[in-house]
């Protein structure tokens, strides 16, 4: 088993908790209150900007050209995702320029950026991988019985789609190539998974 797979399997409890979270289930069946989704879109756009910066920092620190190239390719994927959020923002009446990050968002972005600046690329990849793997998992599970016909269908289409899955695999390749299987990598990965759960919770209780 690869390290990236081992980390994901070890955190299946949190992956399942996110899948079963009422925020995600509200996206699944279309029942989520629009105000909660609008809040989430603003927070996620702020998060993605930090995510792109963390990728760029890691690219600069990559020990070889292959890693540098993959990290930069992943930045392009985030920028495409941000364009999608701009479309969501227009649809849901969210002004992304005036978004103030909530506590859960700030904890997550501060953690990612601090890790990217202070750690090697293996640790950084381990910190970033849960976001991608989790969303691929959620998209796949929510689409397993077909894409629903409601106003959150685009979210499900995006994260279950063929464009998103390869980005997840690229990031996990970086984990496998550069991270060491040790306690720090495992704790870093799990902390990011906890941040993901809290991110959904913050949007749910807003």
Protein backbone atom coordinates (compact mmCIF):
# COMPACT_ATOMS: atom_id res chain seq x y z
CA UNK A 1 0.00 0.00 0.00
CA UNK A 2 1.31 3.46 -0.88
CA UNK A 3 1.78 6.05 1.85
CA UNK A 4 -1.01 8.23 0.44
CA UNK A 5 -3.41 5.28 0.54
CA UNK A 6 -2.30 4.36 4.04
CA UNK A 7 -2.97 7.90 5.25
CA UNK A 8 -6.41 8.01 3.65
CA UNK A 9 -7.40 4.62 5.05
CA UNK A 10 -6.18 5.59 8.51
CA UNK A 11 -8.52 8.59 8.42
CA UNK A 12 -11.60 6.94 7.01
CA UNK A 13 -13.48 7.81 10.20
CA UNK A 14 -13.14 11.49 9.40
CA UNK A 15 -13.87 10.96 5.71
CA UNK A 16 -17.09 9.18 6.62
CA UNK A 17 -17.94 11.86 9.19
CA UNK A 18 -17.64 14.50 6.47
CA UNK A 19 -19.80 12.46 4.09
CA UNK A 20 -22.47 12.08 6.75
CA UNK A 21 -22.28 15.70 7.90
CA UNK A 22 -25.62 17.49 7.45
CA UNK A 23 -23.96 20.19 5.34
CA UNK A 24 -22.73 17.63 2.80
CA UNK A 25 -25.97 15.66 2.95
CA UNK A 26 -27.80 18.91 2.29
CA UNK A 27 -25.76 19.32 -0.89
CA UNK A 28 -26.50 15.69 -1.76
CA UNK A 29 -30.28 16.02 -1.66
CA UNK A 30 -30.57 19.73 -2.44
CA UNK A 31 -32.06 20.64 0.93
CA UNK A 32 -29.17 22.80 2.17
CA UNK A 33 -30.22 26.36 3.01
CA UNK A 34 -28.92 28.75 0.33
CA UNK A 35 -27.47 31.10 2.96
CA UNK A 36 -25.27 28.30 4.29
CA UNK A 37 -24.03 27.42 0.83
CA UNK A 38 -23.36 31.08 0.04
CA UNK A 39 -21.30 31.41 3.23
CA UNK A 40 -19.39 28.25 2.33
CA UNK A 41 -18.61 29.55 -1.18
CA UNK A 42 -17.08 32.73 0.21
CA UNK A 43 -15.03 30.85 2.78
CA UNK A 44 -13.90 28.25 0.27
CA UNK A 45 -12.75 30.93 -2.18
CA UNK A 46 -10.61 32.46 0.58
CA UNK A 47 -9.29 28.99 1.40
CA UNK A 48 -8.45 28.20 -2.23
CA UNK A 49 -6.36 31.35 -2.57
CA UNK A 50 -4.27 30.19 0.38
CA UNK A 51 -4.17 26.68 -1.09
CA UNK A 52 -2.74 28.05 -4.35
CA UNK A 53 -0.11 30.02 -2.42
CA UNK A 54 0.90 26.90 -0.47
CA UNK A 55 1.33 25.00 -3.75
CA UNK A 56 3.52 27.82 -5.08
CA UNK A 57 5.70 27.81 -1.96
CA UNK A 58 6.10 24.05 -2.22
CA UNK A 59 6.99 24.34 -5.90
CA UNK A 60 9.81 26.73 -5.08
CA UNK A 61 11.13 24.26 -2.49
CA UNK A 62 10.76 21.13 -4.65
CA UNK A 63 14.04 19.21 -4.80
CA UNK A 64 13.68 18.29 -8.48
CA UNK A 65 12.11 19.58 -11.68
CA UNK A 66 9.42 16.90 -11.77
CA UNK A 67 8.09 17.94 -8.37
CA UNK A 68 8.30 21.61 -9.33
CA UNK A 69 6.26 20.96 -12.46
CA UNK A 70 3.58 18.93 -10.69
CA UNK A 71 3.12 21.54 -7.97
CA UNK A 72 2.72 24.23 -10.61
CA UNK A 73 0.22 22.13 -12.56
CA UNK A 74 -1.79 21.79 -9.36
CA UNK A 75 -1.83 25.58 -8.95
CA UNK A 76 -3.53 25.74 -12.36
CA UNK A 77 -6.18 23.35 -11.09
CA UNK A 78 -6.89 25.58 -8.10
CA UNK A 79 -7.18 28.63 -10.34
CA UNK A 80 -9.75 26.79 -12.45
CA UNK A 81 -11.65 25.89 -9.28
CA UNK A 82 -11.60 29.54 -8.23
CA UNK A 83 -13.16 30.48 -11.56
CA UNK A 84 -15.96 28.06 -10.77
CA UNK A 85 -16.42 29.74 -7.40
CA UNK A 86 -16.71 33.10 -9.13
CA UNK A 87 -19.60 31.67 -11.09
CA UNK A 88 -21.16 30.33 -7.89
CA UNK A 89 -20.66 33.70 -6.22
CA UNK A 90 -22.49 35.51 -9.00
CA UNK A 91 -25.32 32.96 -8.85
CA UNK A 92 -25.65 33.11 -5.06
CA UNK A 93 -25.02 36.82 -4.58
CA UNK A 94 -21.67 36.53 -2.80
CA UNK A 95 -19.13 39.36 -3.07
CA UNK A 96 -15.84 37.46 -2.90
CA UNK A 97 -13.88 40.72 -2.47
CA UNK A 98 -15.53 41.39 0.88
CA UNK A 99 -15.24 37.90 2.40
CA UNK A 100 -13.95 37.83 5.96
CA UNK A 101 -12.51 34.43 6.89
CA UNK A 102 -14.20 32.68 9.78
CA UNK A 103 -12.25 31.07 12.61
CA UNK A 104 -12.33 27.59 11.05
CA UNK A 105 -11.18 28.96 7.70
CA UNK A 106 -8.37 30.94 9.27
CA UNK A 107 -7.15 27.96 11.31
CA UNK A 108 -6.99 25.85 8.18
CA UNK A 109 -5.29 28.41 5.95
CA UNK A 110 -2.81 29.45 8.65
CA UNK A 111 -1.92 25.79 9.16
CA UNK A 112 -1.36 25.18 5.43
CA UNK A 113 0.73 28.29 4.86
CA UNK A 114 2.80 27.78 8.02
CA UNK A 115 3.45 24.19 6.96
CA UNK A 116 4.43 25.23 3.44
CA UNK A 117 6.87 27.86 4.70
CA UNK A 118 8.43 25.84 7.52
CA UNK A 119 8.40 22.22 6.31
CA UNK A 120 9.74 20.17 3.45
CA UNK A 121 7.58 19.40 0.42
CA UNK A 122 6.67 15.94 1.69
CA UNK A 123 5.03 17.36 4.81
CA UNK A 124 3.36 20.09 2.77
CA UNK A 125 1.95 17.55 0.32
CA UNK A 126 0.63 15.53 3.28
CA UNK A 127 -1.04 18.65 4.66
CA UNK A 128 -2.71 19.46 1.34
CA UNK A 129 -3.66 15.99 0.18
CA UNK A 130 -6.67 15.49 2.50
CA UNK A 131 -8.58 18.34 0.88
CA UNK A 132 -8.23 16.87 -2.60
CA UNK A 133 -8.77 13.24 -1.63
CA UNK A 134 -11.78 14.08 0.54
CA UNK A 135 -13.52 16.13 -2.15
CA UNK A 136 -12.89 13.42 -4.75
CA UNK A 137 -14.38 10.91 -2.29
CA UNK A 138 -17.41 13.10 -1.56
CA UNK A 139 -18.02 13.83 -5.22
CA UNK A 140 -17.80 10.15 -6.14
CA UNK A 141 -20.14 9.08 -3.35
CA UNK A 142 -22.69 11.80 -4.00
CA UNK A 143 -22.74 10.94 -7.71
CA UNK A 144 -22.83 7.16 -7.31
CA UNK A 145 -26.57 6.96 -8.08
CA UNK A 146 -26.44 9.56 -10.83
CA UNK A 147 -26.22 13.35 -10.78
CA UNK A 148 -29.29 14.80 -9.04
CA UNK A 149 -31.39 17.55 -10.60
CA UNK A 150 -31.20 20.38 -8.10
CA UNK A 151 -29.31 23.65 -7.61
CA UNK A 152 -26.24 22.01 -6.03
CA UNK A 153 -25.73 19.56 -8.88
CA UNK A 154 -22.79 21.55 -10.30
CA UNK A 155 -20.87 21.03 -7.06
CA UNK A 156 -21.33 17.28 -7.33
CA UNK A 157 -20.45 17.30 -11.03
CA UNK A 158 -17.23 19.20 -10.35
CA UNK A 159 -15.85 16.94 -7.64
CA UNK A 160 -16.96 13.67 -9.22
CA UNK A 161 -15.68 14.68 -12.64
CA UNK A 162 -12.79 13.42 -14.71
CA UNK A 163 -10.93 16.73 -14.42
CA UNK A 164 -10.72 16.65 -10.63
CA UNK A 165 -9.66 13.04 -10.06
CA UNK A 166 -6.28 13.34 -11.86
CA UNK A 167 -5.37 16.38 -9.74
CA UNK A 168 -5.99 14.31 -6.63
CA UNK A 169 -3.77 11.55 -7.98
CA UNK A 170 -0.99 14.02 -8.84
CA UNK A 171 -0.95 15.39 -5.29
CA UNK A 172 -0.92 11.90 -3.82
CA UNK A 173 2.02 11.07 -6.07
CA UNK A 174 3.88 13.95 -4.42
CA UNK A 175 3.07 12.49 -1.01
CA UNK A 176 4.39 9.11 -2.09
CA UNK A 177 7.52 10.58 -3.69
CA UNK A 178 8.57 13.05 -1.01
CA UNK A 179 6.94 12.26 2.35
CA UNK A 180 8.36 9.90 4.94
CA UNK A 181 6.08 7.45 6.73
CA UNK A 182 6.44 8.82 10.24
CA UNK A 183 4.36 10.20 13.09
CA UNK A 184 4.65 13.81 11.90
CA UNK A 185 3.26 13.00 8.46
CA UNK A 186 0.38 11.05 10.01
CA UNK A 187 -0.47 13.79 12.50
CA UNK A 188 -0.22 16.48 9.81
CA UNK A 189 -2.60 14.59 7.54
CA UNK A 190 -5.08 13.97 10.33
CA UNK A 191 -5.05 17.60 11.44
CA UNK A 192 -5.93 18.64 7.89
CA UNK A 193 -8.81 16.14 7.90
CA UNK A 194 -10.05 17.60 11.18
CA UNK A 195 -9.87 21.06 9.60
CA UNK A 196 -12.02 19.79 6.73
CA UNK A 197 -14.70 18.55 9.10
CA UNK A 198 -14.66 21.82 11.02
CA UNK A 199 -14.91 23.75 7.75
CA UNK A 200 -18.21 22.04 6.95
CA UNK A 201 -19.40 22.46 10.54
CA UNK A 202 -18.69 26.19 10.49
CA UNK A 203 -20.78 26.61 7.34
CA UNK A 204 -23.58 24.51 8.85
CA UNK A 205 -23.88 26.55 12.03
CA UNK A 206 -23.27 29.99 10.50
